[in-house]
Structure formats: C-alpha cells, structure tokens
C-alpha cells in the first residue's frame, strides 16, 4: 500500500489520527508532498513510517528545506510517481513536470484541496491536508497495486470516509529530460 499526505502545517507533530494514522503506519511507501512546516512534524512522520519519501514545501522551515528536496521521483507499486509541492503554471505546469520525468502520476500539495485530474499524459493527485484543510475537506490518499497492473485507490477523510476513487495506469512514459535517470527512491532532486 502507498499512503499519500501533504500540507501538515504543524509545530507539534504529524497530526495523524484514525485511518490516516493507520495508513501511515501500515503502508509500504509513504509519500508527503511538503509543508510539514517544522522539523518536529517531519520527524514525527519519520517515526511512524517505514519508508517516507517527502519533498519540502513553501512553508517549511529552513531546517526542513535543508533535509528534503524540492522534487523527487519514486518508483512504487509498478508506477512512476513525480512528487512536488507546487509548480508555476497550475495543472499545465504540473503535467509538464510529470511528463519531463516519465511519470504516471504527479503528487502535489499546496492548495489543501483533495483533487484528482486526468490528463492525456499524466494523472495529477493532490491528497489535500489531513491536518489543516483551510476550508476544504480534509484528506489523504491510499493506493494499492491492481492485479492487472497500475494502482487503484481512494482519497479519504482522516476517519476513512471515501471522498474520491483513483485509478493510475502503470504505463511509465519515457522522460523528455531524464538527466542521469537516477531520480528514484530517496535520491535528492533539486529541479
């Protein structure tokens, strides 16, 4: 299972509870799209999660920014996931970011709004914020491998209520700007 979070904005800790906490603890891979805000929140996530792949966001402290890249690519569940907090250019900018990395899906944050956007070339997924929804529905995402390839899952409220379903194809695309091709599992990427 892959659990996806963003926009924790906490000075105390991970702010996880209910099904969100269970998902973070049980997931094979946890992705966080930035804005932990403090080192305490980042470290609390690291304590709960066996495999955390995170990026920093615009509201993260200097110490968090020093520890995390602005963007990264993770191979998980048979798909290629490009992770960033935000990109200029809205959905188009996010899609271009994903295409340039050969991604099947782009995980992003910043708006605090749970969102799934289908495009011709890459899917966009914002899990929302489990802790600081700012007028939006709180959210996080859970994805599971499908027997026929790719991933299927849901954006959920922290209590487990399903907000939206998600299906992601495992058809990794060739990156337009692959660089050295080593942008997976925990390697820092500063693009």
N, C-alpha and C. Protein backbone atom coordinates (compact mmCIF):
# COMPACT_ATOMS: atom_id res chain seq x y z
N UNK A 1 0.84 -1.18 0.00
CA UNK A 1 0.00 0.00 0.00
C UNK A 1 0.89 1.24 0.00
N UNK A 2 0.42 2.27 -0.71
CA UNK A 2 1.06 3.57 -0.72
C UNK A 2 0.11 4.56 -0.05
N UNK A 3 0.60 5.29 0.94
CA UNK A 3 -0.20 6.33 1.59
C UNK A 3 0.40 7.68 1.21
N UNK A 4 -0.47 8.65 0.90
CA UNK A 4 -0.02 9.94 0.41
C UNK A 4 -0.61 11.06 1.26
N UNK A 5 0.27 11.97 1.69
CA UNK A 5 -0.12 13.10 2.54
C UNK A 5 0.49 14.38 2.01
N UNK A 6 -0.03 15.51 2.49
CA UNK A 6 0.56 16.82 2.18
C UNK A 6 0.05 17.84 3.19
N UNK A 7 0.75 18.96 3.27
CA UNK A 7 0.29 20.14 3.99
C UNK A 7 -0.12 19.87 5.44
N UNK A 8 0.81 19.29 6.20
CA UNK A 8 0.56 19.01 7.61
C UNK A 8 0.53 20.30 8.44
N UNK A 9 1.42 21.23 8.16
CA UNK A 9 1.45 22.54 8.84
C UNK A 9 1.32 22.39 10.35
N UNK A 10 2.30 21.76 10.96
CA UNK A 10 2.24 21.52 12.40
C UNK A 10 3.54 21.93 13.08
N UNK A 11 3.41 22.46 14.27
CA UNK A 11 4.58 22.74 15.09
C UNK A 11 4.79 21.64 16.13
N UNK A 12 3.80 20.73 16.26
CA UNK A 12 3.84 19.71 17.31
C UNK A 12 4.24 18.32 16.83
N UNK A 13 3.72 17.90 15.69
CA UNK A 13 3.96 16.53 15.26
C UNK A 13 3.24 16.22 13.97
N UNK A 14 2.96 14.94 13.73
CA UNK A 14 2.38 14.53 12.45
C UNK A 14 0.89 14.85 12.32
N UNK A 15 0.18 15.04 13.42
CA UNK A 15 -1.26 15.36 13.40
C UNK A 15 -2.10 14.25 12.77
N UNK A 16 -1.55 13.05 12.66
CA UNK A 16 -2.29 11.93 12.10
C UNK A 16 -3.19 11.32 13.16
N UNK A 17 -4.39 10.91 12.74
CA UNK A 17 -5.30 10.20 13.63
C UNK A 17 -6.20 9.29 12.81
N UNK A 18 -6.87 8.37 13.47
CA UNK A 18 -7.81 7.48 12.80
C UNK A 18 -7.18 6.69 11.67
N UNK A 19 -7.92 6.58 10.57
CA UNK A 19 -7.46 5.82 9.41
C UNK A 19 -6.21 6.41 8.78
N UNK A 20 -6.03 7.72 8.89
CA UNK A 20 -4.82 8.34 8.34
C UNK A 20 -3.58 7.83 9.08
N UNK A 21 -3.64 7.74 10.39
CA UNK A 21 -2.53 7.22 11.19
C UNK A 21 -2.28 5.75 10.86
N UNK A 22 -3.35 4.97 10.78
CA UNK A 22 -3.22 3.55 10.44
C UNK A 22 -2.56 3.38 9.07
N UNK A 23 -2.99 4.17 8.10
CA UNK A 23 -2.41 4.07 6.75
C UNK A 23 -0.93 4.41 6.77
N UNK A 24 -0.54 5.46 7.49
CA UNK A 24 0.88 5.84 7.56
C UNK A 24 1.71 4.73 8.17
N UNK A 25 1.19 4.08 9.18
CA UNK A 25 1.92 3.01 9.87
C UNK A 25 2.00 1.74 9.04
N UNK A 26 0.96 1.42 8.28
CA UNK A 26 0.89 0.14 7.57
C UNK A 26 1.38 0.19 6.13
N UNK A 27 1.55 1.37 5.58
CA UNK A 27 1.94 1.50 4.17
C UNK A 27 3.36 0.99 3.92
N UNK A 28 3.55 0.40 2.75
CA UNK A 28 4.90 0.01 2.31
C UNK A 28 5.69 1.26 1.93
N UNK A 29 4.99 2.24 1.39
CA UNK A 29 5.59 3.51 0.96
C UNK A 29 4.69 4.64 1.40
N UNK A 30 5.27 5.69 1.99
CA UNK A 30 4.53 6.90 2.32
C UNK A 30 5.16 8.05 1.56
N UNK A 31 4.31 8.81 0.87
CA UNK A 31 4.75 9.99 0.12
C UNK A 31 4.14 11.21 0.79
N UNK A 32 4.96 12.26 0.98
CA UNK A 32 4.45 13.52 1.54
C UNK A 32 4.87 14.64 0.60
N UNK A 33 3.89 15.43 0.16
CA UNK A 33 4.13 16.49 -0.83
C UNK A 33 4.43 17.84 -0.20
N UNK A 34 5.01 17.85 0.98
CA UNK A 34 5.55 19.08 1.55
C UNK A 34 4.64 19.87 2.46
N UNK A 35 5.26 20.86 3.09
CA UNK A 35 4.67 21.71 4.13
C UNK A 35 4.38 20.94 5.41
N UNK A 36 5.44 20.29 5.91
CA UNK A 36 5.42 19.79 7.28
C UNK A 36 5.39 21.01 8.20
N UNK A 37 6.07 22.04 7.81
CA UNK A 37 6.32 23.33 8.47
C UNK A 37 7.50 23.25 9.43
N UNK A 38 7.50 22.26 10.33
CA UNK A 38 8.59 22.18 11.31
C UNK A 38 9.31 20.84 11.26
N UNK A 39 10.50 20.84 11.82
CA UNK A 39 11.27 19.61 11.93
C UNK A 39 10.55 18.60 12.83
N UNK A 40 9.83 19.08 13.84
CA UNK A 40 9.07 18.17 14.72
C UNK A 40 8.04 17.38 13.92
N UNK A 41 7.36 18.02 12.98
CA UNK A 41 6.36 17.32 12.17
C UNK A 41 7.03 16.31 11.24
N UNK A 42 8.13 16.70 10.60
CA UNK A 42 8.87 15.78 9.73
C UNK A 42 9.34 14.57 10.52
N UNK A 43 9.96 14.79 11.66
CA UNK A 43 10.49 13.68 12.46
C UNK A 43 9.38 12.78 12.99
N UNK A 44 8.22 13.35 13.30
CA UNK A 44 7.09 12.53 13.74
C UNK A 44 6.62 11.61 12.62
N UNK A 45 6.59 12.11 11.39
CA UNK A 45 6.26 11.26 10.24
C UNK A 45 7.31 10.17 10.08
N UNK A 46 8.58 10.53 10.17
CA UNK A 46 9.65 9.54 10.01
C UNK A 46 9.55 8.44 11.07
N UNK A 47 9.11 8.78 12.26
CA UNK A 47 8.95 7.79 13.33
C UNK A 47 7.82 6.81 13.02
N UNK A 48 6.75 7.29 12.42
CA UNK A 48 5.58 6.45 12.14
C UNK A 48 5.71 5.62 10.88
N UNK A 49 6.53 6.06 9.92
CA UNK A 49 6.56 5.45 8.58
C UNK A 49 7.86 4.70 8.34
N UNK A 50 7.73 3.48 7.83
CA UNK A 50 8.93 2.70 7.49
C UNK A 50 9.68 3.30 6.31
N UNK A 51 8.95 3.73 5.26
CA UNK A 51 9.58 4.28 4.05
C UNK A 51 8.87 5.58 3.69
N UNK A 52 9.47 6.69 4.06
CA UNK A 52 8.91 8.01 3.79
C UNK A 52 9.71 8.68 2.68
N UNK A 53 9.02 9.10 1.62
CA UNK A 53 9.61 9.87 0.53
C UNK A 53 8.89 11.21 0.51
N UNK A 54 9.61 12.26 0.86
CA UNK A 54 8.98 13.57 1.02
C UNK A 54 9.75 14.64 0.26
N UNK A 55 9.06 15.74 0.01
CA UNK A 55 9.66 16.95 -0.55
C UNK A 55 9.33 18.09 0.39
N UNK A 56 10.06 19.20 0.26
CA UNK A 56 9.70 20.36 1.08
C UNK A 56 8.73 21.25 0.33
N UNK A 57 7.99 22.03 1.10
CA UNK A 57 7.04 22.98 0.52
C UNK A 57 7.44 24.40 0.82
N UNK A 58 6.63 25.33 0.36
CA UNK A 58 6.94 26.75 0.51
C UNK A 58 6.86 27.24 1.96
N UNK A 59 6.15 26.55 2.83
CA UNK A 59 6.01 26.98 4.23
C UNK A 59 6.93 26.22 5.18
N UNK A 60 7.78 25.38 4.65
CA UNK A 60 8.68 24.61 5.52
C UNK A 60 9.82 25.48 6.04
N UNK A 61 10.23 25.18 7.27
CA UNK A 61 11.34 25.90 7.89
C UNK A 61 12.64 25.60 7.13
N UNK A 62 13.64 26.42 7.39
CA UNK A 62 14.95 26.23 6.75
C UNK A 62 15.54 24.86 7.07
N UNK A 63 15.33 24.37 8.29
CA UNK A 63 15.89 23.06 8.65
C UNK A 63 15.20 21.93 7.87
N UNK A 64 13.91 22.05 7.63
CA UNK A 64 13.20 21.05 6.83
C UNK A 64 13.66 21.15 5.37
N UNK A 65 13.79 22.36 4.85
CA UNK A 65 14.25 22.55 3.47
C UNK A 65 15.64 21.97 3.26
N UNK A 66 16.49 22.08 4.26
CA UNK A 66 17.84 21.52 4.16
C UNK A 66 17.83 19.99 4.11
N UNK A 67 16.82 19.38 4.67
CA UNK A 67 16.76 17.93 4.75
C UNK A 67 16.01 17.27 3.59
N UNK A 68 15.20 18.03 2.87
CA UNK A 68 14.35 17.45 1.82
C UNK A 68 14.55 18.16 0.48
N UNK A 69 14.40 17.41 -0.62
CA UNK A 69 14.48 18.04 -1.94
C UNK A 69 13.19 18.79 -2.27
N UNK A 70 13.25 19.63 -3.29
CA UNK A 70 12.06 20.34 -3.77
C UNK A 70 11.19 19.42 -4.63
N UNK A 71 11.79 18.41 -5.23
CA UNK A 71 11.08 17.47 -6.10
C UNK A 71 11.82 16.15 -6.09
N UNK A 72 11.09 15.10 -6.39
CA UNK A 72 11.71 13.77 -6.48
C UNK A 72 10.81 12.85 -7.28
N UNK A 73 11.37 11.72 -7.68
CA UNK A 73 10.61 10.69 -8.38
C UNK A 73 10.74 9.40 -7.57
N UNK A 74 9.63 8.72 -7.39
CA UNK A 74 9.59 7.48 -6.62
C UNK A 74 8.96 6.39 -7.50
N UNK A 75 9.59 5.24 -7.55
CA UNK A 75 9.01 4.07 -8.22
C UNK A 75 8.35 3.23 -7.12
N UNK A 76 7.03 3.07 -7.22
CA UNK A 76 6.31 2.29 -6.20
C UNK A 76 5.06 1.67 -6.82
N UNK A 77 4.79 0.46 -6.43
CA UNK A 77 3.58 -0.19 -6.90
C UNK A 77 3.47 -0.32 -8.41
N UNK A 78 4.61 -0.37 -9.09
CA UNK A 78 4.60 -0.53 -10.53
C UNK A 78 4.35 0.76 -11.30
N UNK A 79 4.35 1.90 -10.62
CA UNK A 79 4.18 3.18 -11.30
C UNK A 79 5.31 4.13 -10.91
N UNK A 80 5.48 5.14 -11.74
CA UNK A 80 6.49 6.17 -11.51
C UNK A 80 5.75 7.42 -11.02
N UNK A 81 6.11 7.88 -9.82
CA UNK A 81 5.43 9.00 -9.16
C UNK A 81 6.39 10.18 -9.07
N UNK A 82 6.04 11.30 -9.69
CA UNK A 82 6.80 12.54 -9.55
C UNK A 82 6.15 13.33 -8.42
N UNK A 83 6.96 13.80 -7.48
CA UNK A 83 6.43 14.48 -6.28
C UNK A 83 6.99 15.89 -6.21
N UNK A 84 6.11 16.84 -5.98
CA UNK A 84 6.50 18.24 -5.79
C UNK A 84 5.44 18.89 -4.90
N UNK A 85 5.77 20.01 -4.31
CA UNK A 85 4.75 20.71 -3.53
C UNK A 85 3.86 21.54 -4.45
N UNK A 86 4.49 22.29 -5.34
CA UNK A 86 3.73 23.09 -6.30
C UNK A 86 4.63 23.42 -7.48
N UNK A 87 4.00 23.86 -8.56
CA UNK A 87 4.72 24.27 -9.76
C UNK A 87 4.02 25.49 -10.32
N UNK A 88 4.77 26.42 -10.89
CA UNK A 88 4.17 27.52 -11.63
C UNK A 88 3.43 26.95 -12.83
N UNK A 89 2.35 27.60 -13.22
CA UNK A 89 1.63 27.16 -14.40
C UNK A 89 0.45 26.26 -14.10
N UNK A 90 0.08 26.09 -12.83
CA UNK A 90 -1.09 25.30 -12.47
C UNK A 90 -1.03 23.87 -12.97
N UNK A 91 -2.18 23.37 -13.45
CA UNK A 91 -2.26 21.99 -13.92
C UNK A 91 -1.32 21.73 -15.09
N UNK A 92 -1.19 22.71 -15.98
CA UNK A 92 -0.29 22.54 -17.13
C UNK A 92 1.15 22.39 -16.66
N UNK A 93 1.56 23.25 -15.73
CA UNK A 93 2.92 23.17 -15.18
C UNK A 93 3.18 21.85 -14.48
N UNK A 94 2.18 21.37 -13.73
CA UNK A 94 2.32 20.08 -13.05
C UNK A 94 2.42 18.93 -14.05
N UNK A 95 1.59 18.97 -15.09
CA UNK A 95 1.64 17.92 -16.13
C UNK A 95 2.99 17.94 -16.85
N UNK A 96 3.52 19.12 -17.15
CA UNK A 96 4.83 19.22 -17.80
C UNK A 96 5.92 18.67 -16.88
N UNK A 97 5.84 18.98 -15.60
CA UNK A 97 6.77 18.44 -14.61
C UNK A 97 6.74 16.91 -14.63
N UNK A 98 5.54 16.34 -14.62
CA UNK A 98 5.40 14.88 -14.65
C UNK A 98 5.91 14.26 -15.93
N UNK A 99 5.54 14.86 -17.06
CA UNK A 99 6.00 14.32 -18.36
C UNK A 99 7.51 14.36 -18.47
N UNK A 100 8.14 15.42 -17.96
CA UNK A 100 9.60 15.53 -18.08
C UNK A 100 10.33 14.49 -17.25
N UNK A 101 9.61 13.84 -16.35
CA UNK A 101 10.20 12.81 -15.50
C UNK A 101 9.66 11.41 -15.82
N UNK A 102 8.91 11.30 -16.91
CA UNK A 102 8.37 9.99 -17.30
C UNK A 102 7.40 9.42 -16.28
N UNK A 103 6.68 10.29 -15.59
CA UNK A 103 5.79 9.85 -14.50
C UNK A 103 4.43 9.39 -15.01
N UNK A 104 3.84 8.48 -14.27
CA UNK A 104 2.46 8.06 -14.48
C UNK A 104 1.51 8.98 -13.72
N UNK A 105 2.00 9.51 -12.59
CA UNK A 105 1.19 10.38 -11.74
C UNK A 105 2.09 11.44 -11.10
N UNK A 106 1.55 12.63 -10.93
CA UNK A 106 2.22 13.70 -10.19
C UNK A 106 1.46 13.88 -8.88
N UNK A 107 2.17 13.73 -7.76
CA UNK A 107 1.61 14.02 -6.45
C UNK A 107 2.07 15.41 -6.06
N UNK A 108 1.11 16.25 -5.67
CA UNK A 108 1.41 17.62 -5.30
C UNK A 108 0.54 18.07 -4.14
N UNK A 109 0.83 19.23 -3.61
CA UNK A 109 0.06 19.78 -2.49
C UNK A 109 -0.24 21.24 -2.73
N UNK A 110 -0.06 22.04 -1.68
CA UNK A 110 -0.16 23.49 -1.67
C UNK A 110 -1.59 24.03 -1.54
N UNK A 111 -2.55 23.53 -2.28
CA UNK A 111 -3.90 24.09 -2.26
C UNK A 111 -4.74 23.59 -1.08
N UNK A 112 -4.30 22.50 -0.44
CA UNK A 112 -5.03 21.86 0.66
C UNK A 112 -6.36 21.26 0.19
N UNK A 113 -6.57 21.15 -1.11
CA UNK A 113 -7.82 20.66 -1.67
C UNK A 113 -7.61 19.28 -2.29
N UNK A 114 -8.27 18.24 -1.76
CA UNK A 114 -8.17 16.92 -2.39
C UNK A 114 -8.63 16.99 -3.84
N UNK A 115 -7.75 16.56 -4.76
CA UNK A 115 -8.02 16.74 -6.19
C UNK A 115 -7.42 15.60 -6.99
N UNK A 116 -8.17 15.12 -7.97
CA UNK A 116 -7.66 14.18 -8.96
C UNK A 116 -7.98 14.78 -10.32
N UNK A 117 -6.94 14.94 -11.16
CA UNK A 117 -7.12 15.50 -12.50
C UNK A 117 -6.53 14.51 -13.49
N UNK A 118 -7.36 14.10 -14.44
CA UNK A 118 -6.91 13.22 -15.53
C UNK A 118 -6.44 14.10 -16.68
N UNK A 119 -5.30 13.76 -17.26
CA UNK A 119 -4.86 14.44 -18.48
C UNK A 119 -4.47 13.38 -19.49
N UNK A 120 -4.16 13.78 -20.68
CA UNK A 120 -3.80 12.83 -21.73
C UNK A 120 -2.51 12.08 -21.43
N UNK A 121 -1.62 12.70 -20.66
CA UNK A 121 -0.30 12.11 -20.50
C UNK A 121 0.06 11.72 -19.08
N UNK A 122 -0.50 12.37 -18.07
CA UNK A 122 -0.13 12.08 -16.69
C UNK A 122 -1.30 12.47 -15.77
N UNK A 123 -1.49 11.69 -14.74
CA UNK A 123 -2.55 12.00 -13.79
C UNK A 123 -2.00 12.89 -12.68
N UNK A 124 -2.81 13.82 -12.18
CA UNK A 124 -2.43 14.71 -11.09
C UNK A 124 -3.22 14.34 -9.85
N UNK A 125 -2.53 14.23 -8.71
CA UNK A 125 -3.18 13.83 -7.46
C UNK A 125 -2.72 14.72 -6.32
N UNK A 126 -3.65 15.44 -5.73
CA UNK A 126 -3.40 16.22 -4.52
C UNK A 126 -4.23 15.55 -3.42
N UNK A 127 -3.57 15.01 -2.38
CA UNK A 127 -4.33 14.32 -1.34
C UNK A 127 -5.09 15.27 -0.42
N UNK A 128 -4.84 16.56 -0.52
CA UNK A 128 -5.42 17.52 0.42
C UNK A 128 -4.57 17.55 1.68
N UNK A 129 -5.11 18.13 2.72
CA UNK A 129 -4.42 18.19 4.01
C UNK A 129 -5.23 17.44 5.06
N UNK A 130 -4.59 16.49 5.71
CA UNK A 130 -5.26 15.74 6.77
C UNK A 130 -5.42 16.57 8.04
N UNK A 131 -4.58 17.61 8.20
CA UNK A 131 -4.50 18.34 9.47
C UNK A 131 -4.92 19.80 9.40
N UNK A 132 -4.84 20.42 8.23
CA UNK A 132 -5.09 21.85 8.09
C UNK A 132 -5.79 22.12 6.75
N UNK A 133 -7.06 21.69 6.61
CA UNK A 133 -7.71 21.74 5.31
C UNK A 133 -8.07 23.15 4.81
N UNK A 134 -8.04 24.14 5.67
CA UNK A 134 -8.29 25.54 5.27
C UNK A 134 -9.55 25.71 4.41
N UNK A 135 -10.67 25.26 4.94
CA UNK A 135 -11.94 25.42 4.25
C UNK A 135 -12.26 24.32 3.26
N UNK A 136 -11.32 23.44 3.01
CA UNK A 136 -11.55 22.29 2.14
C UNK A 136 -11.83 21.07 3.00
N UNK A 137 -12.25 20.01 2.37
CA UNK A 137 -12.43 18.74 3.08
C UNK A 137 -11.05 18.19 3.44
N UNK A 138 -10.82 17.73 4.68
CA UNK A 138 -9.52 17.13 5.00
C UNK A 138 -9.32 15.86 4.19
N UNK A 139 -8.06 15.52 3.90
CA UNK A 139 -7.87 14.33 3.09
C UNK A 139 -6.45 13.79 3.10
N UNK A 140 -6.37 12.55 2.67
CA UNK A 140 -5.13 11.84 2.37
C UNK A 140 -5.50 10.77 1.35
N UNK A 141 -4.51 10.16 0.72
CA UNK A 141 -4.80 9.15 -0.30
C UNK A 141 -4.15 7.82 0.04
N UNK A 142 -4.80 6.75 -0.39
CA UNK A 142 -4.28 5.40 -0.24
C UNK A 142 -4.40 4.72 -1.60
N UNK A 143 -3.30 4.12 -2.05
CA UNK A 143 -3.28 3.41 -3.33
C UNK A 143 -2.79 1.98 -3.12
N UNK A 144 -3.39 1.04 -3.84
CA UNK A 144 -3.00 -0.37 -3.80
C UNK A 144 -2.70 -0.85 -5.21
N UNK A 145 -1.77 -1.80 -5.33
CA UNK A 145 -1.48 -2.39 -6.64
C UNK A 145 -2.68 -3.17 -7.14
N UNK A 146 -2.96 -3.03 -8.46
CA UNK A 146 -4.01 -3.80 -9.10
C UNK A 146 -3.40 -5.06 -9.69
N UNK A 147 -4.16 -6.12 -9.77
CA UNK A 147 -3.64 -7.38 -10.32
C UNK A 147 -3.31 -7.25 -11.80
N UNK A 148 -3.99 -6.32 -12.51
CA UNK A 148 -3.74 -6.13 -13.93
C UNK A 148 -2.72 -5.02 -14.20
N UNK A 149 -2.02 -4.57 -13.17
CA UNK A 149 -1.02 -3.51 -13.31
C UNK A 149 -1.57 -2.16 -12.91
N UNK A 150 -0.70 -1.27 -12.51
CA UNK A 150 -1.13 0.05 -12.08
C UNK A 150 -1.63 0.05 -10.65
N UNK A 151 -2.29 1.13 -10.27
CA UNK A 151 -2.77 1.31 -8.91
C UNK A 151 -4.24 1.72 -8.91
N UNK A 152 -4.92 1.35 -7.84
CA UNK A 152 -6.29 1.81 -7.60
C UNK A 152 -6.36 2.25 -6.15
N UNK A 153 -7.15 3.25 -5.89
CA UNK A 153 -7.24 3.70 -4.51
C UNK A 153 -8.26 4.78 -4.32
N UNK A 154 -8.07 5.52 -3.23
CA UNK A 154 -9.07 6.50 -2.81
C UNK A 154 -8.40 7.69 -2.15
N UNK A 155 -9.05 8.83 -2.29
CA UNK A 155 -8.79 9.94 -1.39
C UNK A 155 -9.81 9.78 -0.28
N UNK A 156 -9.34 9.86 0.95
CA UNK A 156 -10.20 9.63 2.12
C UNK A 156 -10.12 10.78 3.10
N UNK A 157 -11.19 10.93 3.88
CA UNK A 157 -11.14 11.77 5.08
C UNK A 157 -10.26 11.04 6.09
N UNK A 158 -9.68 11.75 7.07
CA UNK A 158 -8.86 11.07 8.08
C UNK A 158 -9.59 9.94 8.82
N UNK A 159 -10.93 9.99 8.86
CA UNK A 159 -11.69 8.91 9.52
C UNK A 159 -11.93 7.72 8.61
N UNK A 160 -11.50 7.81 7.35
CA UNK A 160 -11.63 6.70 6.42
C UNK A 160 -12.75 6.84 5.40
N UNK A 161 -13.61 7.85 5.53
CA UNK A 161 -14.68 8.07 4.57
C UNK A 161 -14.09 8.35 3.19
N UNK A 162 -14.57 7.62 2.18
CA UNK A 162 -14.06 7.78 0.82
C UNK A 162 -14.60 9.08 0.21
N UNK A 163 -13.69 9.90 -0.30
CA UNK A 163 -14.03 11.16 -0.95
C UNK A 163 -14.08 10.98 -2.46
N UNK A 164 -13.10 10.27 -3.00
CA UNK A 164 -12.99 10.07 -4.45
C UNK A 164 -12.15 8.83 -4.72
N UNK A 165 -12.46 8.13 -5.82
CA UNK A 165 -11.66 6.97 -6.20
C UNK A 165 -10.63 7.38 -7.26
N UNK A 166 -9.55 6.61 -7.33
CA UNK A 166 -8.43 6.91 -8.20
C UNK A 166 -7.96 5.62 -8.87
N UNK A 167 -7.67 5.68 -10.17
CA UNK A 167 -7.03 4.57 -10.88
C UNK A 167 -5.85 5.14 -11.66
N UNK A 168 -4.70 4.52 -11.53
CA UNK A 168 -3.49 5.00 -12.19
C UNK A 168 -2.89 3.87 -13.00
N UNK A 169 -2.69 4.12 -14.27
CA UNK A 169 -2.07 3.15 -15.17
C UNK A 169 -0.60 3.02 -14.84
N UNK A 170 -0.05 1.85 -15.07
CA UNK A 170 1.37 1.63 -14.84
C UNK A 170 2.19 1.74 -16.11
N UNK A 171 1.76 2.57 -17.05
CA UNK A 171 2.44 2.73 -18.33
C UNK A 171 3.46 3.85 -18.24
N UNK A 172 4.59 3.58 -17.62
CA UNK A 172 5.62 4.60 -17.46
C UNK A 172 6.03 5.15 -18.81
N UNK A 173 6.08 6.46 -18.91
CA UNK A 173 6.46 7.14 -20.14
C UNK A 173 7.94 7.45 -20.14
N UNK A 174 8.51 7.62 -21.30
CA UNK A 174 9.92 8.00 -21.41
C UNK A 174 10.06 9.47 -21.08
N UNK A 175 10.89 9.83 -20.11
CA UNK A 175 11.04 11.23 -19.76
C UNK A 175 11.66 12.03 -20.90
N UNK A 176 11.16 13.24 -21.08
CA UNK A 176 11.71 14.13 -22.09
C UNK A 176 13.08 14.64 -21.66
N UNK A 177 13.25 14.84 -20.35
CA UNK A 177 14.52 15.32 -19.81
C UNK A 177 14.92 14.40 -18.68
N UNK A 178 15.44 13.25 -18.99
CA UNK A 178 15.70 12.25 -17.98
C UNK A 178 16.96 12.51 -17.17
N UNK A 179 17.81 13.38 -17.60
CA UNK A 179 19.05 13.60 -16.86
C UNK A 179 19.84 12.32 -16.80
N UNK A 180 20.26 11.94 -15.60
CA UNK A 180 21.05 10.72 -15.46
C UNK A 180 20.18 9.49 -15.20
N UNK A 181 18.86 9.69 -15.10
CA UNK A 181 17.95 8.56 -14.92
C UNK A 181 17.94 7.99 -13.52
N UNK A 182 18.58 8.63 -12.58
CA UNK A 182 18.66 8.10 -11.22
C UNK A 182 17.81 8.88 -10.23
N UNK A 183 16.57 9.17 -10.59
CA UNK A 183 15.72 10.00 -9.75
C UNK A 183 14.71 9.16 -8.98
N UNK A 184 15.13 8.09 -8.35
CA UNK A 184 14.16 7.27 -7.63
C UNK A 184 14.57 7.07 -6.18
N UNK A 185 13.68 6.44 -5.46
CA UNK A 185 13.85 6.07 -4.05
C UNK A 185 14.86 6.89 -3.26
N UNK A 186 14.42 8.04 -2.83
CA UNK A 186 15.19 8.79 -1.87
C UNK A 186 16.32 9.62 -2.40
N UNK A 187 16.57 9.60 -3.67
CA UNK A 187 17.65 10.43 -4.18
C UNK A 187 17.18 11.87 -4.29
N UNK A 188 18.02 12.79 -3.90
CA UNK A 188 17.69 14.20 -3.91
C UNK A 188 17.63 14.72 -5.33
N UNK A 189 16.60 15.51 -5.62
CA UNK A 189 16.45 16.14 -6.93
C UNK A 189 16.11 17.60 -6.68
N UNK A 190 16.90 18.50 -7.20
CA UNK A 190 16.71 19.92 -6.93
C UNK A 190 16.17 20.69 -8.12
N UNK A 191 15.53 20.02 -9.07
CA UNK A 191 14.98 20.73 -10.23
C UNK A 191 13.66 21.37 -9.88
